[in-house]
Amino acid sequence: MTFELRDLGRTPFTDRGSRLLVMPAADGSLWIARAEYETRLADTTVLTGLRLFSGAVELPVRRAHADRLTFEGGVELVFADAETLVLTGSGARAVWDGGGGAVEGTLVLTGASTLDGPTLLERAASRWREWFGRMPAVPDDLRERAEQAWWTLGVNLLPIAQARGRLGVVPSKFGYVGVWNWDACFHAVGLRHGAPELARDQIRILLGHQRPDGLVPDVVHDLGVLAETTDLPRSDHARLAQHVGTAVGGPDPGEAGQPIGGVVPVTKPPLLAWAVWKIHEVAPDPGFLAEVYEPIARSHEWWLTVSDPDGDGLAEYLHPYSSGLDDSPIWDHGPRAEPPDLNSYLALQADRLGDIAEALGRTAEAAGWRERAAGHVELLVARRWNGERFTTLAKTSREVEVACRTPLELMPLFTGRLPEAIAERLLADLLSPSFWAERPVPTVAFDDPDFDPDAMWRGPVWLNVNHLLVEGLRRSGFAEAADELAVRTLRMVNDGGGLYEYWNPLTGGRACRATQGFGWSSALFLDLATTHGTSAT
């Protein structure tokens, strides 16, 4: 097994399908905790203070691989199954808070096992050989980071109680333990290259909980789903009240800093048809297309009916979480907004529904979807193009045009249907100092007063934004710019030390509050490395 966990603090020892995480404590011992939905690891502790000794000499961890932890003296820690951790070796003693035992053959720390050490080690190695054997090919200079990405997708695969027997890729075992909606789409795009059936299952998990009105929930987790504000944890309500609608001159006196009232649906951006077609491109399965076509079509209609309260034909986000852009400045005026990314996604989704319909032999429906895609882009241009850029409207008690510049205004490139002059203007904006640098694309423009390189969605680089823009550039006819953005993105991740939730665009390192071992960063890095990696070498 060649893949090595170089920093247990950032990449704990864990296993596919297991919620157990083995991590170093501040005093040099090891501790074990369980990953659970919306629960701190400190509150799910299984074992603390683990140390190994040979006589009076402590045996530190010498090396960590995907399949085992190796201590000085040759003792190894291995997963027997998702709930069982076993020490195997001889001539050592393990101690932990409240317990201890001799390591002579095997010593079970959690769970139960009767297998001998060599069998446990070979089974663990075999599991990981099989998983890495599926990893897509990437250029040699990207391989180490790609192995880390493929490992991350593997260990983030968990049985979710509400997933009806399917394994879901969670964004991170650090708190994000559930299947989030657009995360699942991005995970599927990475998994399609080596595990297409797992990719399809990410979509199935979401659609299996679609509401009768067409809404696809934001999250499927062990305890149920998050599909409206009544499902939100209490801490989320408090956090939203701190930053939503806090701009000076907000919509109404007294609205800033108040909790979002009423029962509001919560979902994520409409990327399901996009992800389904991406899977189909590399692993065709007409049966899967037939399975998901009508549910995704119902979801599409939900956006254009329930999520278009003013009836102008352009959907809006009814809740900040539905955008996925939780802390973006677009929410500084209140909890409803209509940035141009949403209707760009809907236009592309209509085109992809047309592709799916065509593949299923439903040619009349395919033509109808493509007409709708063209019409939606025309409406977006007519209503939101101000001659210089696409505008974002905050919508609460009155409409407010958001002044802050974000790459959301570039996302209409994703449709591939813009008039040439407008597409050229967006390209020029992307390549201007506002958005272009050694490590593009910031989530707030470099020269905007709201730019903060470390604050979530207020400046850092996110791989999903870059990935969508790479595809949008290519679809809009700007292949050279698409390749260059892919190259710079791959280089940033490859050199940055890990697969973070988001990156500081000034340093290229982890932004200070970003989660580590993040699922969609892993998936989209793999996809870019697979499809654009030759250009990055």
Protein backbone atom coordinates (compact mmCIF):
# COMPACT_ATOMS: atom_id res chain seq x y z
CA MET A 1 0.00 0.00 0.00
CA THR A 2 1.73 3.17 -1.18
CA PHE A 3 -0.72 5.89 -0.09
CA GLU A 4 0.49 7.48 3.14
CA LEU A 5 -1.36 9.68 5.62
CA ARG A 6 1.34 12.23 6.26
CA ASP A 7 -0.43 14.25 8.96
CA LEU A 8 -2.91 12.46 11.23
CA GLY A 9 -4.09 15.80 12.56
CA ARG A 10 -5.36 16.77 9.12
CA THR A 11 -6.13 13.31 7.74
CA PRO A 12 -7.18 11.01 10.59
CA PHE A 13 -6.83 7.25 10.27
CA THR A 14 -10.24 5.93 9.27
CA ASP A 15 -11.73 3.43 6.86
CA ARG A 16 -14.34 3.08 4.14
CA GLY A 17 -17.76 2.75 5.70
CA SER A 18 -16.51 3.52 9.21
CA ARG A 19 -17.40 6.50 11.35
CA LEU A 20 -14.42 5.96 13.65
CA LEU A 21 -11.56 8.47 13.44
CA VAL A 22 -8.16 7.96 15.06
CA MET A 23 -6.43 11.28 15.75
CA PRO A 24 -3.51 12.69 17.74
CA ALA A 25 -4.29 14.57 20.93
CA ALA A 26 -2.39 17.64 22.10
CA ASP A 27 -0.44 15.55 24.64
CA GLY A 28 0.84 13.15 21.97
CA SER A 29 -1.57 10.31 22.73
CA LEU A 30 -4.23 9.09 20.30
CA TRP A 31 -7.98 9.44 20.68
CA ILE A 32 -10.90 7.91 18.82
CA ALA A 33 -14.25 9.54 18.07
CA ARG A 34 -17.29 8.88 15.89
CA ALA A 35 -18.43 11.07 12.99
CA GLU A 36 -22.11 12.00 13.43
CA TYR A 37 -24.46 14.53 11.81
CA GLU A 38 -24.18 18.04 13.28
CA THR A 39 -22.16 16.78 16.26
CA ARG A 40 -18.72 17.82 17.42
CA LEU A 41 -16.14 15.03 17.60
CA ALA A 42 -15.46 16.10 21.18
CA ASP A 43 -19.01 14.97 21.97
CA THR A 44 -18.65 11.54 20.33
CA THR A 45 -15.45 10.35 21.98
CA VAL A 46 -14.98 6.56 22.09
CA LEU A 47 -11.50 6.27 23.62
CA THR A 48 -8.82 8.72 24.78
CA GLY A 49 -5.21 8.65 25.93
CA LEU A 50 -4.08 5.71 23.79
CA ARG A 51 -0.32 5.04 24.03
CA LEU A 52 1.89 2.02 23.32
CA PHE A 53 4.93 0.97 25.34
CA SER A 54 7.70 -1.59 25.17
CA GLY A 55 8.76 -1.78 28.77
CA ALA A 56 9.20 1.85 29.82
CA VAL A 57 9.82 3.09 26.26
CA GLU A 58 6.90 4.69 24.47
CA LEU A 59 6.29 3.53 20.89
CA PRO A 60 5.17 6.45 18.70
CA VAL A 61 3.37 6.15 15.38
CA ARG A 62 6.05 5.63 12.74
CA ARG A 63 3.91 5.61 9.62
CA ALA A 64 0.24 5.84 8.63
CA HIS A 65 -1.14 4.24 5.48
CA ALA A 66 -4.67 3.83 4.24
CA ASP A 67 -4.86 0.28 5.59
CA ARG A 68 -2.92 0.52 8.90
CA LEU A 69 -1.08 2.61 11.49
CA THR A 70 2.41 1.30 12.19
CA PHE A 71 4.08 2.01 15.54
CA GLU A 72 7.73 1.71 16.45
CA GLY A 73 8.38 -1.87 17.43
CA GLY A 74 6.21 -3.24 14.64
CA VAL A 75 2.79 -3.04 16.33
CA GLU A 76 0.00 -2.08 13.92
CA LEU A 77 -3.51 -0.69 14.29
CA VAL A 78 -6.01 -1.96 11.74
CA PHE A 79 -9.75 -1.91 11.04
CA ALA A 80 -11.36 -5.35 11.23
CA ASP A 81 -14.69 -3.81 10.21
CA ALA A 82 -16.46 -0.48 10.44
CA GLU A 83 -16.85 -0.71 14.24
CA THR A 84 -13.74 -2.66 15.18
CA LEU A 85 -10.18 -1.42 15.69
CA VAL A 86 -7.52 -3.95 16.58
CA LEU A 87 -3.86 -3.68 17.62
CA THR A 88 -1.73 -6.52 16.28
CA GLY A 89 1.88 -7.42 17.06
CA SER A 90 3.89 -8.58 20.06
CA GLY A 91 6.06 -7.39 22.89
CA ALA A 92 4.05 -4.26 23.64
CA ARG A 93 1.46 -2.96 26.05
CA ALA A 94 -1.32 -0.51 25.22
CA VAL A 95 -2.78 1.87 27.79
CA TRP A 96 -5.65 4.30 27.49
CA ASP A 97 -7.84 6.29 29.84
CA GLY A 98 -9.65 3.69 31.92
CA GLY A 99 -8.00 0.61 30.46
CA GLY A 100 -5.09 -1.23 28.91
CA GLY A 101 -3.81 -4.60 27.79
CA ALA A 102 -0.92 -6.60 26.38
CA VAL A 103 -0.40 -6.70 22.62
CA GLU A 104 0.52 -10.33 22.01
CA GLY A 105 -1.16 -11.34 18.77
CA THR A 106 -4.20 -9.06 18.80
CA LEU A 107 -5.83 -6.62 21.22
CA VAL A 108 -9.31 -5.32 20.35
CA LEU A 109 -9.82 -1.64 21.18
CA THR A 110 -13.37 -1.17 19.88
CA GLY A 111 -15.94 -3.63 18.60
CA ALA A 112 -15.27 -7.38 18.40
CA SER A 113 -13.01 -9.60 16.33
CA THR A 114 -11.62 -13.16 16.56
CA LEU A 115 -9.38 -12.94 13.47
CA ASP A 116 -5.60 -13.20 13.75
CA GLY A 117 -3.31 -10.30 12.92
CA PRO A 118 -2.02 -11.45 9.52
CA THR A 119 -5.57 -12.09 8.31
CA LEU A 120 -6.74 -8.66 9.50
CA LEU A 121 -3.83 -6.91 7.80
CA GLU A 122 -4.26 -8.75 4.51
CA ARG A 123 -8.00 -8.07 4.42
CA ALA A 124 -7.43 -4.38 5.09
CA ALA A 125 -4.74 -4.19 2.42
CA SER A 126 -7.00 -6.01 -0.05
CA ARG A 127 -9.88 -3.58 0.54
CA TRP A 128 -7.67 -0.63 -0.27
CA ARG A 129 -5.95 -2.29 -3.23
CA GLU A 130 -9.37 -2.81 -4.75
CA TRP A 131 -10.36 0.82 -4.16
CA PHE A 132 -7.14 2.33 -5.50
CA GLY A 133 -7.31 -0.07 -8.44
CA ARG A 134 -10.36 1.90 -9.58
CA MET A 135 -8.68 5.31 -9.41
CA PRO A 136 -8.65 7.13 -12.77
CA ALA A 137 -5.35 7.72 -14.49
CA VAL A 138 -3.78 11.16 -13.97
CA PRO A 139 -0.41 12.68 -14.92
CA ASP A 140 2.48 11.62 -12.69
CA ASP A 141 2.97 15.06 -11.16
CA LEU A 142 -0.64 15.07 -9.94
CA ARG A 143 -0.72 11.47 -8.76
CA GLU A 144 0.07 11.99 -5.07
CA ARG A 145 -2.70 14.55 -4.64
CA ALA A 146 -5.04 12.43 -6.78
CA GLU A 147 -4.40 9.44 -4.52
CA GLN A 148 -5.27 11.62 -1.55
CA ALA A 149 -8.46 12.69 -3.34
CA TRP A 150 -9.46 9.13 -4.20
CA TRP A 151 -8.73 8.04 -0.62
CA THR A 152 -10.88 10.93 0.66
CA LEU A 153 -13.82 9.89 -1.50
CA GLY A 154 -13.35 6.33 -0.25
CA VAL A 155 -13.26 7.11 3.47
CA ASN A 156 -16.10 9.61 3.12
CA LEU A 157 -18.37 6.80 1.88
CA LEU A 158 -20.71 5.99 4.75
CA PRO A 159 -23.95 4.10 5.28
CA ILE A 160 -26.54 6.81 6.00
CA ALA A 161 -29.62 5.61 7.88
CA GLN A 162 -32.02 7.33 5.46
CA ALA A 163 -30.12 6.28 2.31
CA ARG A 164 -32.04 2.99 2.03
CA GLY A 165 -29.04 0.71 1.98
CA ARG A 166 -26.85 2.86 -0.27
CA LEU A 167 -23.49 4.34 0.63
CA GLY A 168 -23.40 8.12 0.49
CA VAL A 169 -20.31 10.30 0.16
CA VAL A 170 -20.37 12.79 3.02
CA PRO A 171 -18.58 16.11 2.47
CA SER A 172 -16.35 15.49 5.49
CA LYS A 173 -16.26 13.33 8.60
CA PHE A 174 -15.48 16.59 10.42
CA GLY A 175 -19.11 17.56 11.05
CA TYR A 176 -20.59 17.23 7.55
CA VAL A 177 -22.04 13.74 8.02
CA GLY A 178 -24.90 13.47 5.55
CA VAL A 179 -25.56 13.59 1.82
CA TRP A 180 -25.81 17.24 0.80
CA ASN A 181 -27.60 18.01 -2.45
CA TRP A 182 -25.13 19.77 -4.72
CA ASP A 183 -22.21 18.10 -2.96
CA ALA A 184 -23.67 14.80 -4.16
CA CYS A 185 -23.66 16.09 -7.75
CA PHE A 186 -20.01 17.08 -7.51
CA HIS A 187 -19.10 13.81 -5.79
CA ALA A 188 -20.79 11.93 -8.62
CA VAL A 189 -18.75 13.83 -11.21
CA GLY A 190 -15.54 12.61 -9.56
CA LEU A 191 -16.73 9.08 -8.84
CA ARG A 192 -17.94 8.53 -12.40
CA HIS A 193 -14.40 7.84 -13.58
CA GLY A 194 -13.79 4.79 -11.38
CA ALA A 195 -16.99 3.98 -9.52
CA PRO A 196 -19.95 4.95 -11.74
CA GLU A 197 -22.51 2.91 -9.79
CA LEU A 198 -21.55 4.74 -6.61
CA ALA A 199 -21.90 7.97 -8.60
CA ARG A 200 -25.44 6.99 -9.62
CA ASP A 201 -26.29 6.13 -6.03
CA GLN A 202 -25.50 9.69 -4.89
CA ILE A 203 -28.28 10.91 -7.18
CA ARG A 204 -30.64 8.10 -6.12
CA ILE A 205 -30.22 8.95 -2.43
CA LEU A 206 -31.43 12.51 -3.08
CA LEU A 207 -34.28 11.64 -5.45
CA GLY A 208 -35.46 8.95 -3.04
CA HIS A 209 -36.51 11.77 -0.71
CA GLN A 210 -38.05 14.14 -3.26
CA ARG A 211 -41.19 15.83 -1.96
CA PRO A 212 -44.50 15.55 -3.83
CA ASP A 213 -44.20 19.19 -4.97
CA GLY A 214 -40.87 18.40 -6.69
CA LEU A 215 -38.44 19.83 -4.14
CA VAL A 216 -35.26 17.80 -3.62
CA PRO A 217 -34.06 18.23 -0.02
CA ASP A 218 -30.90 20.02 0.96
CA VAL A 219 -29.56 17.14 3.07
CA VAL A 220 -30.33 13.47 3.66
CA HIS A 221 -28.91 12.44 7.03
CA ASP A 222 -29.26 9.70 9.64
CA LEU A 223 -32.19 11.31 11.41
CA GLY A 224 -34.19 12.35 8.34
CA VAL A 225 -33.87 15.17 5.82
CA LEU A 226 -33.36 18.91 5.77
CA ALA A 227 -36.00 20.25 3.37
CA GLU A 228 -37.34 23.35 5.12
CA THR A 229 -36.34 25.76 7.85
CA THR A 230 -38.12 23.72 10.54
CA ASP A 231 -35.51 20.98 9.90
CA LEU A 232 -32.53 23.24 10.61
CA PRO A 233 -30.48 22.71 13.77
CA ARG A 234 -30.95 25.48 16.33
CA SER A 235 -27.33 26.59 15.89
CA ASP A 236 -27.97 27.31 12.21
CA HIS A 237 -30.86 29.66 13.00
CA ALA A 238 -28.63 31.59 15.39
CA ARG A 239 -25.75 31.74 12.90
CA LEU A 240 -27.99 32.97 10.09
CA ALA A 241 -29.40 35.69 12.33
CA GLN A 242 -25.88 36.99 12.88
CA HIS A 243 -25.02 37.71 9.27
CA VAL A 244 -28.09 37.63 7.00
CA GLY A 245 -29.42 41.11 6.30
CA THR A 246 -26.71 42.90 8.21
CA ALA A 247 -25.71 45.42 5.52
CA VAL A 248 -25.95 49.09 6.33
CA GLY A 249 -29.12 50.33 4.72
CA GLY A 250 -30.70 46.87 4.76
CA PRO A 251 -34.23 46.33 3.46
CA ASP A 252 -36.13 47.61 6.48
CA PRO A 253 -35.18 48.98 9.89
CA GLY A 254 -35.18 46.07 12.32
CA GLU A 255 -34.85 43.32 9.71
CA ALA A 256 -31.07 43.04 9.95
CA GLY A 257 -29.93 40.34 12.31
CA GLN A 258 -33.38 38.83 12.79
CA PRO A 259 -34.05 35.09 12.34
CA ILE A 260 -35.67 34.03 9.06
CA GLY A 261 -39.38 33.79 9.81
CA GLY A 262 -41.98 31.30 8.62
CA VAL A 263 -41.51 27.91 7.04
CA VAL A 264 -39.19 28.27 4.06
CA PRO A 265 -38.15 25.41 1.74
CA VAL A 266 -34.44 24.61 1.69
CA THR A 267 -32.68 22.83 -1.17
CA LYS A 268 -29.51 23.34 -3.24
CA PRO A 269 -28.77 24.62 -6.78
CA PRO A 270 -30.30 22.57 -9.63
CA LEU A 271 -27.36 20.55 -10.94
CA LEU A 272 -28.88 17.06 -10.95
CA ALA A 273 -29.39 16.72 -14.71
CA TRP A 274 -25.89 18.10 -15.29
CA ALA A 275 -24.38 15.47 -12.99
CA VAL A 276 -26.49 12.66 -14.46
CA TRP A 277 -25.35 13.50 -17.96
CA LYS A 278 -21.71 13.72 -16.85
CA ILE A 279 -22.00 10.17 -15.51
CA HIS A 280 -23.68 9.04 -18.72
CA GLU A 281 -20.88 10.49 -20.84
CA VAL A 282 -18.31 8.09 -19.35
CA ALA A 283 -20.52 5.17 -18.25
CA PRO A 284 -23.73 5.08 -20.33
CA ASP A 285 -26.75 3.54 -18.62
CA PRO A 286 -30.10 4.22 -20.36
CA GLY A 287 -31.94 2.51 -17.51
CA PHE A 288 -30.58 5.05 -15.05
CA LEU A 289 -31.56 7.91 -17.35
CA ALA A 290 -35.11 6.56 -17.49
CA GLU A 291 -35.13 6.19 -13.69
CA VAL A 292 -34.19 9.81 -12.95
CA TYR A 293 -35.62 11.77 -15.91
CA GLU A 294 -39.12 12.48 -14.61
CA PRO A 295 -38.08 13.19 -10.99
CA ILE A 296 -35.51 15.74 -12.20
CA ALA A 297 -38.09 17.28 -14.52
CA ARG A 298 -40.43 17.69 -11.51
CA SER A 299 -37.59 19.33 -9.58
CA HIS A 300 -37.03 21.72 -12.49
CA GLU A 301 -40.70 22.77 -12.42
CA TRP A 302 -40.48 23.35 -8.65
CA TRP A 303 -37.82 26.00 -9.20
CA LEU A 304 -39.92 27.85 -11.78
CA THR A 305 -43.13 27.77 -9.75
CA VAL A 306 -42.58 27.60 -5.99
CA SER A 307 -39.21 29.35 -6.14
CA ASP A 308 -40.38 32.20 -8.40
CA PRO A 309 -42.68 34.08 -6.00
CA ASP A 310 -42.80 37.27 -8.10
CA GLY A 311 -43.74 35.28 -11.22
CA ASP A 312 -41.23 37.00 -13.51
CA GLY A 313 -40.03 33.70 -15.00
CA LEU A 314 -36.66 33.82 -13.20
CA ALA A 315 -36.24 31.67 -10.12
CA GLU A 316 -34.74 32.98 -6.92
CA TYR A 317 -33.21 31.50 -3.80
CA LEU A 318 -35.77 31.63 -1.01
CA HIS A 319 -33.19 30.84 1.67
CA PRO A 320 -29.40 31.40 1.82
CA TYR A 321 -28.74 27.68 2.25
CA SER A 322 -30.56 26.90 -0.99
CA SER A 323 -27.78 28.70 -2.84
CA GLY A 324 -25.00 26.79 -1.10
CA LEU A 325 -23.33 30.22 -0.66
CA ASP A 326 -24.06 30.47 3.04
CA ASP A 327 -22.00 33.52 4.03
CA SER A 328 -21.79 35.33 0.69
CA PRO A 329 -22.29 39.11 0.67
CA ILE A 330 -25.33 38.56 -1.54
CA TRP A 331 -27.20 37.87 1.74
CA ASP A 332 -26.14 41.10 3.39
CA HIS A 333 -29.46 42.67 2.41
CA GLY A 334 -31.72 39.82 3.48
CA PRO A 335 -32.50 36.11 3.09
CA ARG A 336 -33.92 36.09 -0.47
CA ALA A 337 -31.90 36.83 -3.59
CA GLU A 338 -31.78 36.26 -7.33
CA PRO A 339 -28.16 36.00 -8.46
CA PRO A 340 -27.52 35.01 -12.09
CA ASP A 341 -26.00 31.62 -11.26
CA LEU A 342 -29.36 30.02 -10.40
CA ASN A 343 -31.03 30.76 -13.71
CA SER A 344 -27.86 29.79 -15.54
CA TYR A 345 -28.05 26.39 -13.86
CA LEU A 346 -31.71 26.10 -14.80
CA ALA A 347 -31.00 26.90 -18.44
CA LEU A 348 -28.25 24.29 -18.57
CA GLN A 349 -30.48 21.81 -16.76
CA ALA A 350 -33.16 22.25 -19.42
CA ASP A 351 -30.54 21.49 -22.08
CA ARG A 352 -29.40 18.40 -20.19
CA LEU A 353 -32.99 17.23 -19.71
CA GLY A 354 -33.23 17.59 -23.48
CA ASP A 355 -30.17 15.37 -23.89
CA ILE A 356 -31.64 12.77 -21.55
CA ALA A 357 -35.00 12.87 -23.33
CA GLU A 358 -33.24 12.44 -26.69
CA ALA A 359 -31.29 9.44 -25.38
CA LEU A 360 -34.59 7.91 -24.23
CA GLY A 361 -36.20 8.41 -27.64
CA ARG A 362 -38.51 11.18 -26.43
CA THR A 363 -37.58 13.52 -29.25
CA ALA A 364 -40.53 15.89 -28.98
CA GLU A 365 -39.80 16.45 -25.31
CA ALA A 366 -36.12 16.94 -26.12
CA ALA A 367 -36.97 19.73 -28.55
CA GLY A 368 -39.24 21.31 -25.95
CA TRP A 369 -36.50 21.34 -23.33
CA ARG A 370 -34.04 22.95 -25.71
CA GLU A 371 -36.55 25.65 -26.58
CA ARG A 372 -37.03 26.29 -22.90
CA ALA A 373 -33.27 26.54 -22.37
CA ALA A 374 -32.94 29.12 -25.14
CA GLY A 375 -35.91 31.08 -23.85
CA HIS A 376 -34.60 31.10 -20.30
CA VAL A 377 -31.26 32.53 -21.38
CA GLU A 378 -33.04 35.20 -23.43
CA LEU A 379 -35.09 36.12 -20.36
CA LEU A 380 -32.00 36.21 -18.15
CA VAL A 381 -30.27 38.55 -20.57
CA ALA A 382 -33.33 40.75 -20.98
CA ARG A 383 -33.95 41.16 -17.26
CA ARG A 384 -30.54 40.92 -15.60
CA TRP A 385 -27.93 42.15 -18.10
CA ASN A 386 -27.36 45.86 -17.49
CA GLY A 387 -25.00 46.39 -20.41
CA GLU A 388 -21.91 45.78 -18.29
CA ARG A 389 -22.60 42.74 -16.11
CA PHE A 390 -25.29 40.40 -14.87
CA THR A 391 -26.82 41.80 -11.71
CA THR A 392 -27.83 40.15 -8.44
CA LEU A 393 -31.04 41.32 -6.83
CA ALA A 394 -31.72 41.02 -3.11
CA LYS A 395 -35.45 40.52 -2.64
CA THR A 396 -37.09 41.19 0.69
CA SER A 397 -39.47 44.08 1.32
CA ARG A 398 -37.93 45.86 -1.69
CA GLU A 399 -35.53 44.96 -4.49
CA VAL A 400 -31.92 45.98 -3.94
CA GLU A 401 -29.20 45.56 -6.55
CA VAL A 402 -26.21 43.98 -4.81
CA ALA A 403 -23.11 46.08 -5.39
CA CYS A 404 -20.58 43.45 -4.34
CA ARG A 405 -18.93 41.72 -7.29
CA THR A 406 -18.80 37.93 -7.23
CA PRO A 407 -18.11 35.26 -9.90
CA LEU A 408 -21.84 34.50 -9.87
CA GLU A 409 -22.15 37.24 -12.46
CA LEU A 410 -19.85 35.19 -14.73
CA MET A 411 -21.86 31.99 -14.37
CA PRO A 412 -24.13 32.62 -17.40
CA LEU A 413 -21.12 31.38 -19.39
CA PHE A 414 -22.20 27.95 -18.08
CA THR A 415 -25.23 28.01 -20.38
CA GLY A 416 -23.16 28.14 -23.58
CA ARG A 417 -26.03 30.18 -25.09
CA LEU A 418 -25.05 33.81 -24.51
CA PRO A 419 -24.83 36.31 -27.37
CA GLU A 420 -21.22 36.51 -28.50
CA ALA A 421 -20.68 40.10 -27.37
CA ILE A 422 -21.93 39.36 -23.85
CA ALA A 423 -19.84 36.20 -23.58
CA GLU A 424 -16.76 38.15 -24.66
CA ARG A 425 -17.45 40.78 -21.99
CA LEU A 426 -17.72 38.11 -19.30
CA LEU A 427 -14.46 36.58 -20.47
CA ALA A 428 -12.79 39.99 -20.24
CA ASP A 429 -14.15 40.43 -16.70
CA LEU A 430 -12.87 37.01 -15.66
CA LEU A 431 -9.40 37.77 -17.03
CA SER A 432 -9.30 41.24 -15.44
CA PRO A 433 -7.50 41.96 -12.13
CA SER A 434 -10.85 41.75 -10.38
CA PHE A 435 -10.98 37.96 -10.75
CA TRP A 436 -7.73 36.79 -12.36
CA ALA A 437 -4.42 36.19 -10.60
CA GLU A 438 -2.00 33.37 -9.99
CA ARG A 439 -4.80 31.58 -8.13
CA PRO A 440 -8.18 32.51 -9.54
CA VAL A 441 -11.20 32.75 -9.00
CA PRO A 442 -11.98 34.56 -5.71
CA THR A 443 -15.59 34.32 -4.50
CA VAL A 444 -15.57 38.07 -4.01
CA ALA A 445 -13.55 40.16 -6.47
CA PHE A 446 -10.01 41.01 -5.39
CA ASP A 447 -10.70 44.74 -5.71
CA ASP A 448 -14.09 44.69 -3.96
CA PRO A 449 -14.29 46.27 -0.47
CA ASP A 450 -15.91 43.06 0.83
CA PHE A 451 -13.00 40.82 -0.26
CA ASP A 452 -11.64 38.70 2.60
CA PRO A 453 -9.24 35.90 1.57
CA ASP A 454 -10.12 33.71 4.56
CA ALA A 455 -13.86 34.29 5.10
CA MET A 456 -16.23 31.61 3.80
CA TRP A 457 -17.68 32.65 0.39
CA ARG A 458 -16.31 36.16 0.80
CA GLY A 459 -13.02 35.77 -1.07
CA PRO A 460 -11.53 32.26 -0.95
CA VAL A 461 -11.29 30.03 -4.01
CA TRP A 462 -13.78 27.14 -4.13
CA LEU A 463 -13.21 24.27 -6.52
CA ASN A 464 -16.87 23.96 -7.51
CA VAL A 465 -16.95 27.59 -8.74
CA ASN A 466 -13.76 27.09 -10.74
CA HIS A 467 -14.91 23.75 -12.15
CA LEU A 468 -18.23 25.21 -13.33
CA LEU A 469 -16.45 28.19 -14.87
CA VAL A 470 -13.98 25.90 -16.66
CA GLU A 471 -16.91 24.07 -18.19
CA GLY A 472 -18.74 27.31 -18.96
CA LEU A 473 -15.72 28.75 -20.73
CA ARG A 474 -15.38 25.66 -22.86
CA ARG A 475 -19.09 25.56 -23.64
CA SER A 476 -18.97 29.24 -24.62
CA GLY A 477 -16.09 28.70 -27.05
CA PHE A 478 -13.17 29.87 -24.90
CA ALA A 479 -11.14 26.66 -24.78
CA GLU A 480 -7.81 28.37 -24.16
CA ALA A 481 -9.12 30.25 -21.13
CA ALA A 482 -10.81 27.06 -19.87
CA ASP A 483 -7.53 25.18 -20.03
CA GLU A 484 -5.63 27.97 -18.31
CA LEU A 485 -8.15 28.16 -15.45
CA ALA A 486 -7.99 24.38 -15.06
CA VAL A 487 -4.18 24.46 -15.00
CA ARG A 488 -4.05 27.20 -12.35
CA THR A 489 -6.67 25.43 -10.25
CA LEU A 490 -4.85 22.10 -10.41
CA ARG A 491 -1.57 23.78 -9.55
CA MET A 492 -3.07 25.57 -6.55
CA VAL A 493 -4.49 22.34 -5.13
CA ASN A 494 -1.42 20.29 -5.95
CA ASP A 495 0.89 22.77 -4.23
CA GLY A 496 -1.45 23.76 -1.40
CA GLY A 497 -0.88 20.84 0.95
CA GLY A 498 -4.33 19.27 1.07
CA LEU A 499 -7.89 18.98 -0.18
CA TYR A 500 -9.61 21.78 1.64
CA GLU A 501 -13.13 23.13 1.62
CA TYR A 502 -11.72 26.38 0.20
CA TRP A 503 -8.34 28.08 -0.37
CA ASN A 504 -6.85 31.47 0.43
CA PRO A 505 -6.23 32.93 -3.05
CA LEU A 506 -3.33 35.09 -1.85
CA THR A 507 -1.29 32.31 -0.23
CA GLY A 508 -2.61 29.22 -2.01
CA GLY A 509 -2.96 27.47 1.35
CA ARG A 510 -5.92 26.45 3.45
CA ALA A 511 -8.17 29.34 4.39
CA CYS A 512 -8.14 29.55 8.18
CA ARG A 513 -11.64 28.12 8.86
CA ALA A 514 -11.88 25.68 5.96
CA THR A 515 -12.70 22.04 6.64
CA GLN A 516 -10.03 19.53 5.62
CA GLY A 517 -10.50 16.29 3.66
CA PHE A 518 -13.39 17.81 1.74
CA GLY A 519 -15.40 15.61 -0.60
CA TRP A 520 -16.23 17.84 -3.53
CA SER A 521 -12.72 19.34 -3.62
CA SER A 522 -11.43 15.77 -3.94
CA ALA A 523 -13.97 14.83 -6.60
CA LEU A 524 -13.51 17.92 -8.72
CA PHE A 525 -9.73 17.86 -8.46
CA LEU A 526 -9.87 14.30 -9.79
CA ASP A 527 -12.21 15.28 -12.59
CA LEU A 528 -10.01 18.21 -13.65
CA ALA A 529 -6.86 16.08 -13.35
CA THR A 530 -8.48 13.40 -15.50
CA THR A 531 -9.83 15.73 -18.18
CA HIS A 532 -7.31 18.62 -18.11
CA GLY A 533 -4.29 17.07 -16.41
CA THR A 534 -2.21 16.87 -19.59
CA SER A 535 -2.31 20.66 -19.84
CA ALA A 536 -1.10 21.00 -16.24
CA THR A 537 2.14 19.08 -16.70
